[in-house]
Amino acid sequence: MSASALFDAFNYTAQQTTDFVVVPFGSDDTSISSFTPPSSSEYVSIVDSYYSDAARIKGMGENDLGVTFSGTVGDPLYDEESRSLLRDIIDGVKSDSARHGVPFNARSSGLTLDPSDVRNGLLQDLGLKRTEFFLFGGSPPQYKKHTQETLLEGTNPNAAFGKLCEVIAAAAESGLNTEVGIRRGDRAAGQLATSLGATSVTEYPLLNDDEGSRPQANC
């Protein structure tokens, strides 16, 4: 799959934002039966193509939220291999002096990160400016209810909830711009995220919610 095809397939600009979202580790498009993640150099080309559009960049002005790495099948911060790929992409883009100021962000479950490493600057060392974690429940029972079908087999939901809270707090303590995504209308999760140090909270409709609009910023 060419870089231009990937650019067409895996980027969108969310409502009221200007971040470029790259899905490196899978796609929800079932027509792609065998997805092979591109190399770091291909991703660098994708980002370069996006920022080479002079009209788009002029329209952004100072509102460029940068490049966000996400994944519908997988997690850009899943393991050392994934994080190494992320680091290589960011380093590759920033090697061009014209792209040195591009901000990089990631969306993650947070469940495979070590809170101690995060507290000691792991995510900043990757070159990230902002990270969003997903806290779909303000208590262990609620978290289990909304994640039991998506957690890896053998994962204890109660333990996962506790670890995620630790990771969010650790990221905030490290000084990283730490955002949290919650289920739409989940006031308890929003309050918990804020108490853990989240700089902002965004509500998302889940698959079992009534059909809603695109994600909206809240809190």
N, C-alpha and C. Protein backbone atom coordinates (compact mmCIF):
# COMPACT_ATOMS: atom_id res chain seq x y z
N MET A 1 0.85 -1.19 0.00
CA MET A 1 0.00 0.00 0.00
C MET A 1 0.89 1.24 0.00
N SER A 2 0.61 2.16 -0.91
CA SER A 2 1.47 3.33 -1.04
C SER A 2 1.20 4.34 0.06
N ALA A 3 2.17 5.24 0.22
CA ALA A 3 2.01 6.27 1.24
C ALA A 3 0.79 7.14 0.95
N SER A 4 0.55 7.43 -0.35
CA SER A 4 -0.59 8.29 -0.69
C SER A 4 -1.91 7.59 -0.39
N ALA A 5 -1.97 6.28 -0.62
CA ALA A 5 -3.19 5.53 -0.30
C ALA A 5 -3.43 5.53 1.19
N LEU A 6 -2.35 5.36 1.95
CA LEU A 6 -2.47 5.38 3.41
C LEU A 6 -2.93 6.76 3.87
N PHE A 7 -2.41 7.77 3.23
CA PHE A 7 -2.81 9.14 3.58
C PHE A 7 -4.31 9.30 3.40
N ASP A 8 -4.85 8.78 2.29
CA ASP A 8 -6.28 8.89 2.02
C ASP A 8 -7.10 8.06 3.01
N ALA A 9 -6.57 6.90 3.39
CA ALA A 9 -7.34 5.97 4.22
C ALA A 9 -7.32 6.30 5.69
N PHE A 10 -6.24 6.86 6.17
CA PHE A 10 -6.06 6.94 7.62
C PHE A 10 -5.86 8.35 8.16
N ASN A 11 -6.46 9.34 7.53
CA ASN A 11 -6.41 10.65 8.17
C ASN A 11 -7.77 11.30 8.13
N TYR A 12 -8.06 12.06 9.13
CA TYR A 12 -9.26 12.87 9.13
C TYR A 12 -9.02 14.05 10.06
N THR A 13 -9.79 15.10 9.85
CA THR A 13 -9.71 16.25 10.74
C THR A 13 -10.99 16.27 11.55
N ALA A 14 -10.89 16.05 12.85
CA ALA A 14 -12.07 16.00 13.72
C ALA A 14 -12.71 17.37 13.80
N GLN A 15 -13.99 17.39 14.07
CA GLN A 15 -14.72 18.64 14.14
C GLN A 15 -14.08 19.60 15.15
N GLN A 16 -13.85 20.82 14.69
CA GLN A 16 -13.29 21.89 15.51
C GLN A 16 -11.83 21.62 15.93
N THR A 17 -11.16 20.71 15.25
CA THR A 17 -9.74 20.52 15.51
C THR A 17 -9.00 20.50 14.19
N THR A 18 -7.68 20.53 14.26
CA THR A 18 -6.89 20.48 13.03
C THR A 18 -5.78 19.46 13.16
N ASP A 19 -6.00 18.43 13.97
CA ASP A 19 -4.94 17.43 14.07
C ASP A 19 -5.10 16.39 12.97
N PHE A 20 -3.97 15.88 12.53
CA PHE A 20 -3.91 14.86 11.49
C PHE A 20 -3.77 13.52 12.19
N VAL A 21 -4.76 12.65 12.02
CA VAL A 21 -4.78 11.40 12.77
C VAL A 21 -4.26 10.26 11.90
N VAL A 22 -3.21 9.61 12.36
CA VAL A 22 -2.61 8.48 11.66
C VAL A 22 -2.90 7.21 12.45
N VAL A 23 -3.45 6.19 11.78
CA VAL A 23 -3.76 4.93 12.44
C VAL A 23 -2.69 3.91 12.05
N PRO A 24 -1.66 3.74 12.86
CA PRO A 24 -0.52 2.93 12.44
C PRO A 24 -0.68 1.43 12.59
N PHE A 25 -1.57 0.98 13.47
CA PHE A 25 -1.54 -0.43 13.83
C PHE A 25 -2.81 -1.19 13.52
N GLY A 26 -3.60 -0.73 12.55
CA GLY A 26 -4.80 -1.45 12.17
C GLY A 26 -5.85 -0.49 11.65
N SER A 27 -6.88 -1.05 11.05
CA SER A 27 -7.94 -0.23 10.50
C SER A 27 -9.28 -0.87 10.77
N ASP A 28 -10.33 -0.02 10.93
CA ASP A 28 -11.67 -0.55 11.09
C ASP A 28 -12.33 -0.77 9.73
N ASP A 29 -11.59 -0.57 8.66
CA ASP A 29 -12.11 -0.80 7.32
C ASP A 29 -11.97 -2.28 6.99
N THR A 30 -13.09 -3.00 6.98
CA THR A 30 -13.04 -4.45 6.78
C THR A 30 -12.65 -4.82 5.35
N SER A 31 -12.64 -3.84 4.44
CA SER A 31 -12.22 -4.15 3.08
C SER A 31 -10.72 -4.36 2.99
N ILE A 32 -10.00 -3.94 4.03
CA ILE A 32 -8.55 -4.17 4.07
C ILE A 32 -8.32 -5.48 4.81
N SER A 33 -8.21 -6.56 4.06
CA SER A 33 -8.17 -7.89 4.68
C SER A 33 -6.82 -8.23 5.27
N SER A 34 -5.77 -7.71 4.69
CA SER A 34 -4.43 -8.02 5.22
C SER A 34 -3.64 -6.72 5.30
N PHE A 35 -3.61 -6.16 6.49
CA PHE A 35 -2.96 -4.86 6.69
C PHE A 35 -1.56 -5.06 7.21
N THR A 36 -0.58 -4.56 6.49
CA THR A 36 0.80 -4.62 6.92
C THR A 36 1.26 -3.21 7.28
N PRO A 37 1.60 -2.98 8.53
CA PRO A 37 2.03 -1.63 8.92
C PRO A 37 3.20 -1.16 8.07
N PRO A 38 3.16 0.07 7.59
CA PRO A 38 4.26 0.60 6.79
C PRO A 38 5.51 0.80 7.64
N SER A 39 6.59 1.09 6.97
CA SER A 39 7.84 1.38 7.67
C SER A 39 7.79 2.81 8.20
N SER A 40 8.73 3.13 9.07
CA SER A 40 8.78 4.48 9.62
C SER A 40 8.99 5.51 8.51
N SER A 41 9.78 5.16 7.49
CA SER A 41 10.03 6.11 6.41
C SER A 41 8.76 6.40 5.62
N GLU A 42 7.88 5.39 5.48
CA GLU A 42 6.62 5.63 4.79
C GLU A 42 5.74 6.58 5.60
N TYR A 43 5.74 6.41 6.90
CA TYR A 43 4.96 7.31 7.74
C TYR A 43 5.50 8.72 7.68
N VAL A 44 6.82 8.85 7.64
CA VAL A 44 7.42 10.17 7.51
C VAL A 44 6.94 10.83 6.22
N SER A 45 6.84 10.05 5.15
CA SER A 45 6.36 10.57 3.87
C SER A 45 4.91 11.02 3.96
N ILE A 46 4.09 10.26 4.72
CA ILE A 46 2.68 10.62 4.89
C ILE A 46 2.57 11.98 5.58
N VAL A 47 3.29 12.14 6.66
CA VAL A 47 3.25 13.39 7.41
C VAL A 47 3.77 14.54 6.56
N ASP A 48 4.84 14.28 5.82
CA ASP A 48 5.41 15.31 4.96
C ASP A 48 4.41 15.74 3.89
N SER A 49 3.67 14.76 3.33
CA SER A 49 2.67 15.08 2.32
C SER A 49 1.59 15.99 2.90
N TYR A 50 1.19 15.69 4.11
CA TYR A 50 0.15 16.48 4.77
C TYR A 50 0.61 17.92 4.97
N TYR A 51 1.83 18.10 5.44
CA TYR A 51 2.33 19.44 5.73
C TYR A 51 2.87 20.15 4.50
N SER A 52 2.90 19.47 3.38
CA SER A 52 3.36 20.11 2.14
C SER A 52 2.23 20.88 1.46
N ASP A 53 1.00 20.71 1.95
CA ASP A 53 -0.15 21.41 1.39
C ASP A 53 -0.15 22.84 1.96
N ALA A 54 0.38 23.76 1.19
CA ALA A 54 0.56 25.13 1.67
C ALA A 54 -0.77 25.78 2.06
N ALA A 55 -1.83 25.51 1.30
CA ALA A 55 -3.12 26.12 1.59
C ALA A 55 -3.65 25.64 2.94
N ARG A 56 -3.49 24.35 3.21
CA ARG A 56 -3.97 23.81 4.48
C ARG A 56 -3.18 24.41 5.65
N ILE A 57 -1.88 24.47 5.50
CA ILE A 57 -1.05 24.98 6.58
C ILE A 57 -1.34 26.45 6.85
N LYS A 58 -1.56 27.22 5.79
CA LYS A 58 -1.88 28.63 5.96
C LYS A 58 -3.19 28.78 6.72
N GLY A 59 -4.16 27.89 6.42
CA GLY A 59 -5.45 27.95 7.09
C GLY A 59 -5.37 27.60 8.56
N MET A 60 -4.41 26.77 8.91
CA MET A 60 -4.25 26.38 10.31
C MET A 60 -3.79 27.55 11.17
N GLY A 61 -2.89 28.35 10.62
CA GLY A 61 -2.31 29.42 11.42
C GLY A 61 -1.62 28.85 12.63
N GLU A 62 -1.96 29.38 13.80
CA GLU A 62 -1.35 28.91 15.04
C GLU A 62 -2.17 27.80 15.70
N ASN A 63 -3.18 27.28 14.98
CA ASN A 63 -4.09 26.30 15.57
C ASN A 63 -3.75 24.86 15.18
N ASP A 64 -2.56 24.64 14.67
CA ASP A 64 -2.16 23.29 14.28
C ASP A 64 -1.98 22.42 15.52
N LEU A 65 -2.83 21.41 15.67
CA LEU A 65 -2.72 20.50 16.81
C LEU A 65 -1.75 19.37 16.54
N GLY A 66 -1.20 19.33 15.33
CA GLY A 66 -0.16 18.36 15.04
C GLY A 66 -0.65 17.03 14.52
N VAL A 67 0.16 16.02 14.73
CA VAL A 67 -0.09 14.66 14.25
C VAL A 67 -0.44 13.78 15.44
N THR A 68 -1.56 13.09 15.35
CA THR A 68 -1.99 12.20 16.43
C THR A 68 -1.94 10.76 15.96
N PHE A 69 -1.24 9.92 16.69
CA PHE A 69 -1.17 8.49 16.38
C PHE A 69 -2.24 7.77 17.18
N SER A 70 -3.05 6.98 16.46
CA SER A 70 -4.14 6.28 17.10
C SER A 70 -4.21 4.88 16.51
N GLY A 71 -5.22 4.11 16.86
CA GLY A 71 -5.36 2.78 16.30
C GLY A 71 -6.67 2.15 16.69
N THR A 72 -7.39 1.59 15.70
CA THR A 72 -8.63 0.89 16.00
C THR A 72 -8.36 -0.59 16.25
N VAL A 73 -7.25 -1.08 15.76
CA VAL A 73 -6.82 -2.45 16.06
C VAL A 73 -5.37 -2.34 16.51
N GLY A 74 -5.17 -2.18 17.79
CA GLY A 74 -3.83 -1.99 18.29
C GLY A 74 -3.67 -0.66 19.00
N ASP A 75 -2.47 -0.40 19.47
CA ASP A 75 -2.21 0.76 20.31
C ASP A 75 -0.81 1.26 19.99
N PRO A 76 -0.65 2.53 19.63
CA PRO A 76 0.67 3.04 19.26
C PRO A 76 1.69 3.00 20.39
N LEU A 77 1.22 2.80 21.65
CA LEU A 77 2.14 2.71 22.78
C LEU A 77 2.15 1.31 23.38
N TYR A 78 1.72 0.32 22.59
CA TYR A 78 1.48 -1.02 23.12
C TYR A 78 2.71 -1.67 23.75
N ASP A 79 3.83 -1.65 23.04
CA ASP A 79 5.04 -2.30 23.54
C ASP A 79 6.26 -1.54 23.05
N GLU A 80 7.44 -2.06 23.37
CA GLU A 80 8.67 -1.37 23.00
C GLU A 80 8.81 -1.27 21.49
N GLU A 81 8.38 -2.30 20.76
CA GLU A 81 8.46 -2.26 19.30
C GLU A 81 7.59 -1.14 18.74
N SER A 82 6.38 -1.03 19.27
CA SER A 82 5.47 0.02 18.82
C SER A 82 6.02 1.40 19.16
N ARG A 83 6.53 1.53 20.36
CA ARG A 83 7.07 2.83 20.79
C ARG A 83 8.33 3.18 20.00
N SER A 84 9.11 2.18 19.64
CA SER A 84 10.31 2.42 18.84
C SER A 84 9.92 2.94 17.45
N LEU A 85 8.87 2.35 16.87
CA LEU A 85 8.38 2.82 15.58
C LEU A 85 7.94 4.28 15.69
N LEU A 86 7.22 4.58 16.74
CA LEU A 86 6.74 5.95 16.96
C LEU A 86 7.92 6.92 17.05
N ARG A 87 8.93 6.53 17.82
CA ARG A 87 10.11 7.37 18.00
C ARG A 87 10.82 7.59 16.66
N ASP A 88 10.93 6.54 15.86
CA ASP A 88 11.60 6.66 14.56
C ASP A 88 10.83 7.60 13.63
N ILE A 89 9.50 7.50 13.67
CA ILE A 89 8.69 8.39 12.82
C ILE A 89 8.89 9.84 13.22
N ILE A 90 8.78 10.10 14.51
CA ILE A 90 8.91 11.47 15.01
C ILE A 90 10.30 12.03 14.72
N ASP A 91 11.33 11.22 14.97
CA ASP A 91 12.70 11.67 14.68
C ASP A 91 12.88 11.93 13.19
N GLY A 92 12.26 11.07 12.36
CA GLY A 92 12.39 11.22 10.92
C GLY A 92 11.75 12.51 10.42
N VAL A 93 10.59 12.83 10.96
CA VAL A 93 9.91 14.07 10.56
C VAL A 93 10.71 15.28 11.03
N LYS A 94 11.16 15.26 12.26
CA LYS A 94 11.85 16.41 12.84
C LYS A 94 13.27 16.60 12.28
N SER A 95 13.77 15.59 11.56
CA SER A 95 15.09 15.75 10.94
C SER A 95 15.05 16.81 9.84
N ASP A 96 13.85 17.09 9.33
CA ASP A 96 13.66 18.19 8.37
C ASP A 96 13.41 19.45 9.19
N SER A 97 14.28 20.42 9.05
CA SER A 97 14.17 21.63 9.87
C SER A 97 12.83 22.33 9.70
N ALA A 98 12.21 22.16 8.54
CA ALA A 98 10.92 22.80 8.28
C ALA A 98 9.79 22.14 9.07
N ARG A 99 10.05 20.93 9.58
CA ARG A 99 9.02 20.18 10.32
C ARG A 99 9.37 20.07 11.81
N HIS A 100 10.41 20.77 12.23
CA HIS A 100 10.90 20.59 13.60
C HIS A 100 9.86 20.95 14.65
N GLY A 101 8.97 21.88 14.31
CA GLY A 101 7.99 22.33 15.29
C GLY A 101 6.68 21.57 15.28
N VAL A 102 6.57 20.54 14.46
CA VAL A 102 5.31 19.78 14.40
C VAL A 102 5.06 19.08 15.73
N PRO A 103 3.90 19.29 16.36
CA PRO A 103 3.60 18.59 17.62
C PRO A 103 3.08 17.18 17.35
N PHE A 104 3.52 16.23 18.15
CA PHE A 104 3.08 14.84 18.00
C PHE A 104 2.32 14.38 19.24
N ASN A 105 1.26 13.64 19.01
CA ASN A 105 0.38 13.19 20.08
C ASN A 105 0.04 11.72 19.88
N ALA A 106 -0.48 11.08 20.92
CA ALA A 106 -0.88 9.68 20.80
C ALA A 106 -2.14 9.43 21.62
N ARG A 107 -2.97 8.51 21.13
CA ARG A 107 -4.13 8.02 21.86
C ARG A 107 -3.85 6.59 22.26
N SER A 108 -4.12 6.25 23.52
CA SER A 108 -3.72 4.94 24.02
C SER A 108 -4.66 4.46 25.11
N SER A 109 -4.74 3.14 25.26
CA SER A 109 -5.48 2.57 26.39
C SER A 109 -4.72 2.79 27.68
N GLY A 110 -3.39 2.92 27.58
CA GLY A 110 -2.56 3.11 28.75
C GLY A 110 -2.27 1.85 29.55
N LEU A 111 -2.87 0.74 29.16
CA LEU A 111 -2.82 -0.47 29.99
C LEU A 111 -1.51 -1.23 29.90
N THR A 112 -0.70 -0.94 28.89
CA THR A 112 0.57 -1.66 28.76
C THR A 112 1.76 -0.80 29.18
N LEU A 113 1.48 0.36 29.73
CA LEU A 113 2.55 1.25 30.17
C LEU A 113 2.85 1.05 31.65
N ASP A 114 4.12 1.24 32.00
CA ASP A 114 4.53 1.18 33.40
C ASP A 114 4.42 2.58 33.99
N PRO A 115 3.60 2.77 35.03
CA PRO A 115 3.43 4.10 35.60
C PRO A 115 4.75 4.76 36.00
N SER A 116 5.70 3.97 36.50
CA SER A 116 6.99 4.54 36.90
C SER A 116 7.74 5.10 35.70
N ASP A 117 7.72 4.37 34.58
CA ASP A 117 8.37 4.85 33.37
C ASP A 117 7.71 6.13 32.86
N VAL A 118 6.38 6.14 32.91
CA VAL A 118 5.64 7.32 32.45
C VAL A 118 5.98 8.52 33.33
N ARG A 119 6.02 8.30 34.62
CA ARG A 119 6.33 9.38 35.57
C ARG A 119 7.74 9.94 35.32
N ASN A 120 8.64 9.07 34.85
CA ASN A 120 10.02 9.48 34.61
C ASN A 120 10.25 10.04 33.20
N GLY A 121 9.17 10.27 32.46
CA GLY A 121 9.32 10.96 31.18
C GLY A 121 9.37 10.08 29.95
N LEU A 122 8.89 8.83 30.04
CA LEU A 122 8.93 7.93 28.89
C LEU A 122 8.26 8.54 27.66
N LEU A 123 7.10 9.14 27.84
CA LEU A 123 6.34 9.63 26.69
C LEU A 123 6.97 10.88 26.09
N GLN A 124 7.53 11.74 26.93
CA GLN A 124 8.25 12.90 26.40
C GLN A 124 9.50 12.46 25.65
N ASP A 125 10.16 11.41 26.14
CA ASP A 125 11.36 10.91 25.47
C ASP A 125 11.04 10.39 24.07
N LEU A 126 9.79 9.96 23.85
CA LEU A 126 9.38 9.52 22.52
C LEU A 126 9.19 10.71 21.58
N GLY A 127 9.06 11.89 22.16
CA GLY A 127 8.82 13.09 21.36
C GLY A 127 7.38 13.54 21.36
N LEU A 128 6.57 12.99 22.29
CA LEU A 128 5.15 13.33 22.34
C LEU A 128 4.91 14.62 23.11
N LYS A 129 3.96 15.40 22.64
CA LYS A 129 3.56 16.63 23.32
C LYS A 129 2.28 16.42 24.12
N ARG A 130 1.43 15.50 23.63
CA ARG A 130 0.13 15.30 24.25
C ARG A 130 -0.27 13.84 24.11
N THR A 131 -0.91 13.30 25.13
CA THR A 131 -1.40 11.92 25.07
C THR A 131 -2.82 11.87 25.62
N GLU A 132 -3.67 11.10 24.94
CA GLU A 132 -5.04 10.91 25.41
C GLU A 132 -5.22 9.45 25.81
N PHE A 133 -5.71 9.24 27.02
CA PHE A 133 -6.03 7.90 27.51
C PHE A 133 -7.54 7.77 27.61
N PHE A 134 -8.03 6.52 27.55
CA PHE A 134 -9.47 6.29 27.55
C PHE A 134 -9.92 5.66 28.86
N LEU A 135 -10.73 6.40 29.61
CA LEU A 135 -11.23 5.98 30.91
C LEU A 135 -12.74 5.80 30.81
N PHE A 136 -13.17 4.63 30.37
CA PHE A 136 -14.59 4.41 30.12
C PHE A 136 -15.29 3.86 31.36
N GLY A 137 -15.25 4.65 32.42
CA GLY A 137 -15.92 4.29 33.67
C GLY A 137 -15.28 5.02 34.83
N GLY A 138 -16.12 5.51 35.75
CA GLY A 138 -15.59 6.23 36.90
C GLY A 138 -15.38 5.36 38.11
N SER A 139 -15.62 4.05 37.96
CA SER A 139 -15.43 3.09 39.05
C SER A 139 -15.10 1.74 38.42
N PRO A 140 -14.50 0.82 39.18
CA PRO A 140 -14.18 -0.50 38.62
C PRO A 140 -15.38 -1.21 37.99
N PRO A 141 -16.57 -1.23 38.61
CA PRO A 141 -17.71 -1.90 37.98
C PRO A 141 -18.12 -1.26 36.65
N GLN A 142 -18.12 0.07 36.59
CA GLN A 142 -18.49 0.75 35.35
C GLN A 142 -17.44 0.53 34.27
N TYR A 143 -16.18 0.55 34.65
CA TYR A 143 -15.10 0.31 33.69
C TYR A 143 -15.23 -1.10 33.12
N LYS A 144 -15.49 -2.07 33.98
CA LYS A 144 -15.66 -3.45 33.53
C LYS A 144 -16.83 -3.56 32.56
N LYS A 145 -17.94 -2.90 32.89
CA LYS A 145 -19.14 -2.96 32.06
C LYS A 145 -18.87 -2.49 30.64
N HIS A 146 -18.09 -1.44 30.50
CA HIS A 146 -17.91 -0.82 29.19
C HIS A 146 -16.65 -1.28 28.45
N THR A 147 -15.82 -2.10 29.09
CA THR A 147 -14.59 -2.53 28.42
C THR A 147 -14.41 -4.04 28.36
N GLN A 148 -15.30 -4.82 28.98
CA GLN A 148 -15.06 -6.25 29.09
C GLN A 148 -14.98 -6.95 27.74
N GLU A 149 -15.61 -6.38 26.71
CA GLU A 149 -15.56 -7.00 25.39
C GLU A 149 -14.32 -6.58 24.60
N THR A 150 -13.60 -5.59 25.08
CA THR A 150 -12.44 -5.10 24.33
C THR A 150 -11.11 -5.35 25.04
N LEU A 151 -11.15 -5.66 26.34
CA LEU A 151 -9.90 -5.94 27.04
C LEU A 151 -9.29 -7.24 26.54
N LEU A 152 -7.97 -7.32 26.56
CA LEU A 152 -7.30 -8.54 26.16
C LEU A 152 -7.73 -9.69 27.05
N GLU A 153 -7.82 -10.87 26.46
CA GLU A 153 -8.25 -12.05 27.21
C GLU A 153 -7.33 -12.26 28.42
N GLY A 154 -7.93 -12.53 29.55
CA GLY A 154 -7.16 -12.76 30.77
C GLY A 154 -6.89 -11.51 31.59
N THR A 155 -7.30 -10.35 31.06
CA THR A 155 -7.08 -9.10 31.79
C THR A 155 -8.13 -8.94 32.89
N ASN A 156 -7.69 -8.64 34.08
CA ASN A 156 -8.60 -8.38 35.20
C ASN A 156 -9.08 -6.93 35.10
N PRO A 157 -10.39 -6.70 34.87
CA PRO A 157 -10.88 -5.33 34.71
C PRO A 157 -10.59 -4.43 35.90
N ASN A 158 -10.69 -4.98 37.11
CA ASN A 158 -10.43 -4.16 38.30
C ASN A 158 -8.98 -3.71 38.35
N ALA A 159 -8.07 -4.65 38.04
CA ALA A 159 -6.65 -4.32 38.02
C ALA A 159 -6.34 -3.33 36.90
N ALA A 160 -7.00 -3.53 35.75
CA ALA A 160 -6.78 -2.64 34.61
C ALA A 160 -7.23 -1.22 34.95
N PHE A 161 -8.36 -1.10 35.62
CA PHE A 161 -8.87 0.22 36.02
C PHE A 161 -7.87 0.92 36.94
N GLY A 162 -7.37 0.19 37.93
CA GLY A 162 -6.41 0.77 38.86
C GLY A 162 -5.13 1.20 38.18
N LYS A 163 -4.65 0.36 37.26
CA LYS A 163 -3.40 0.69 36.57
C LYS A 163 -3.59 1.91 35.68
N LEU A 164 -4.72 1.96 34.97
CA LEU A 164 -4.96 3.10 34.09
C LEU A 164 -5.00 4.40 34.88
N CYS A 165 -5.63 4.38 36.03
CA CYS A 165 -5.65 5.58 36.88
C CYS A 165 -4.23 5.98 37.27
N GLU A 166 -3.40 4.99 37.58
CA GLU A 166 -2.00 5.27 37.93
C GLU A 166 -1.26 5.90 36.76
N VAL A 167 -1.49 5.37 35.56
CA VAL A 167 -0.81 5.87 34.37
C VAL A 167 -1.23 7.31 34.07
N ILE A 168 -2.52 7.59 34.17
CA ILE A 168 -3.00 8.95 33.92
C ILE A 168 -2.36 9.92 34.91
N ALA A 169 -2.36 9.55 36.19
CA ALA A 169 -1.77 10.42 37.21
C ALA A 169 -0.27 10.59 36.97
N ALA A 170 0.40 9.51 36.58
CA ALA A 170 1.85 9.57 36.33
C ALA A 170 2.16 10.48 35.15
N ALA A 171 1.36 10.40 34.10
CA ALA A 171 1.58 11.25 32.93
C ALA A 171 1.41 12.72 33.30
N ALA A 172 0.37 13.00 34.08
CA ALA A 172 0.14 14.38 34.51
C ALA A 172 1.29 14.88 35.39
N GLU A 173 1.76 14.02 36.30
CA GLU A 173 2.86 14.40 37.18
C GLU A 173 4.15 14.65 36.41
N SER A 174 4.30 13.96 35.28
CA SER A 174 5.53 14.12 34.49
C SER A 174 5.55 15.45 33.74
N GLY A 175 4.41 16.14 33.71
CA GLY A 175 4.34 17.41 33.01
C GLY A 175 3.79 17.30 31.61
N LEU A 176 3.43 16.09 31.17
CA LEU A 176 2.88 15.90 29.83
C LEU A 176 1.46 16.44 29.78
N ASN A 177 1.10 17.03 28.65
CA ASN A 177 -0.29 17.44 28.43
C ASN A 177 -1.13 16.17 28.35
N THR A 178 -1.89 15.89 29.41
CA THR A 178 -2.57 14.61 29.55
C THR A 178 -4.08 14.79 29.40
N GLU A 179 -4.63 14.23 28.33
CA GLU A 179 -6.06 14.31 28.08
C GLU A 179 -6.69 12.95 28.34
N VAL A 180 -7.97 12.95 28.65
CA VAL A 180 -8.68 11.70 28.94
C VAL A 180 -9.99 11.67 28.16
N GLY A 181 -10.23 10.54 27.49
CA GLY A 181 -11.48 10.33 26.80
C GLY A 181 -12.41 9.51 27.67
N ILE A 182 -13.66 9.92 27.75
CA ILE A 182 -14.64 9.21 28.58
C ILE A 182 -15.90 8.92 27.76
N ARG A 183 -16.74 8.06 28.31
CA ARG A 183 -18.02 7.76 27.69
C ARG A 183 -18.92 8.98 27.83
N ARG A 184 -19.65 9.27 26.76
CA ARG A 184 -20.52 10.44 26.76
C ARG A 184 -21.49 10.41 27.94
N GLY A 185 -21.53 11.49 28.69
CA GLY A 185 -22.45 11.61 29.82
C GLY A 185 -21.95 11.00 31.11
N ASP A 186 -20.73 10.44 31.12
CA ASP A 186 -20.22 9.78 32.33
C ASP A 186 -19.56 10.82 33.23
N ARG A 187 -20.38 11.44 34.04
CA ARG A 187 -19.90 12.52 34.90
C ARG A 187 -18.85 12.04 35.90
N ALA A 188 -19.06 10.82 36.44
CA ALA A 188 -18.12 10.29 37.44
C ALA A 188 -16.74 10.09 36.83
N ALA A 189 -16.69 9.57 35.60
CA ALA A 189 -15.39 9.36 34.94
C ALA A 189 -14.72 10.70 34.67
N GLY A 190 -15.50 11.69 34.27
CA GLY A 190 -14.93 13.01 34.03
C GLY A 190 -14.35 13.63 35.28
N GLN A 191 -15.05 13.48 36.39
CA GLN A 191 -14.56 14.02 37.66
C GLN A 191 -13.30 13.28 38.11
N LEU A 192 -13.30 11.95 37.91
CA LEU A 192 -12.12 11.17 38.28
C LEU A 192 -10.92 11.58 37.45
N ALA A 193 -11.13 11.72 36.14
CA ALA A 193 -10.03 12.11 35.26
C ALA A 193 -9.43 13.45 35.69
N THR A 194 -10.29 14.39 36.02
CA THR A 194 -9.82 15.70 36.46
C THR A 194 -9.03 15.59 37.76
N SER A 195 -9.52 14.76 38.68
CA SER A 195 -8.82 14.60 39.96
C SER A 195 -7.46 13.94 39.79
N LEU A 196 -7.32 13.15 38.71
CA LEU A 196 -6.04 12.48 38.45
C LEU A 196 -5.04 13.41 37.77
N GLY A 197 -5.51 14.59 37.35
CA GLY A 197 -4.60 15.56 36.75
C GLY A 197 -4.80 15.81 35.27
N ALA A 198 -5.87 15.27 34.68
CA ALA A 198 -6.10 15.48 33.25
C ALA A 198 -6.25 16.96 32.95
N THR A 199 -5.62 17.39 31.86
CA THR A 199 -5.72 18.79 31.46
C THR A 199 -7.02 19.07 30.72
N SER A 200 -7.62 18.03 30.13
CA SER A 200 -8.91 18.18 29.48
C SER A 200 -9.58 16.82 29.39
N VAL A 201 -10.90 16.83 29.24
CA VAL A 201 -11.68 15.60 29.14
C VAL A 201 -12.57 15.71 27.91
N THR A 202 -12.60 14.66 27.09
CA THR A 202 -13.43 14.64 25.89
C THR A 202 -14.42 13.50 25.98
N GLU A 203 -15.68 13.77 25.66
CA GLU A 203 -16.72 12.74 25.69
C GLU A 203 -16.84 12.08 24.32
N TYR A 204 -16.96 10.75 24.32
CA TYR A 204 -17.14 9.99 23.10
C TYR A 204 -18.36 9.09 23.22
N PRO A 205 -19.19 9.00 22.17
CA PRO A 205 -20.26 8.01 22.18
C PRO A 205 -19.69 6.63 21.92
N LEU A 206 -20.02 5.65 22.75
CA LEU A 206 -19.57 4.28 22.52
C LEU A 206 -20.54 3.58 21.58
N LEU A 207 -20.15 2.38 21.13
CA LEU A 207 -20.95 1.65 20.15
C LEU A 207 -22.36 1.36 20.65
N ASN A 208 -22.51 1.14 21.95
CA ASN A 208 -23.82 0.81 22.49
C ASN A 208 -24.61 2.04 22.94
N ASP A 209 -24.07 3.22 22.68
CA ASP A 209 -24.80 4.45 22.97
C ASP A 209 -25.72 4.77 21.81
N ASP A 210 -26.65 5.68 22.05
CA ASP A 210 -27.45 6.19 20.94
C ASP A 210 -26.53 6.91 19.98
N GLU A 211 -26.89 6.88 18.70
CA GLU A 211 -26.05 7.52 17.69
C GLU A 211 -25.88 8.99 18.02
N GLY A 212 -24.66 9.45 17.99
CA GLY A 212 -24.41 10.84 18.35
C GLY A 212 -23.51 11.51 17.34
N SER A 213 -23.15 12.72 17.64
CA SER A 213 -22.28 13.48 16.75
C SER A 213 -20.84 13.10 17.01
N ARG A 214 -19.94 13.78 16.35
CA ARG A 214 -18.51 13.53 16.56
C ARG A 214 -18.13 13.88 17.99
N PRO A 215 -16.96 13.43 18.44
CA PRO A 215 -16.54 13.72 19.81
C PRO A 215 -16.60 15.21 20.11
N GLN A 216 -17.06 15.53 21.31
CA GLN A 216 -17.11 16.94 21.69
C GLN A 216 -16.29 17.17 22.95
N ALA A 217 -15.58 18.28 22.95
CA ALA A 217 -14.75 18.59 24.10
C ALA A 217 -15.63 18.97 25.28
N ASN A 218 -15.21 18.62 26.44
CA ASN A 218 -15.97 18.94 27.64
C ASN A 218 -15.01 19.16 28.79
N CYS A 219 -15.53 19.67 29.90
CA CYS A 219 -14.72 19.92 31.11
C CYS A 219 -13.55 20.84 30.78
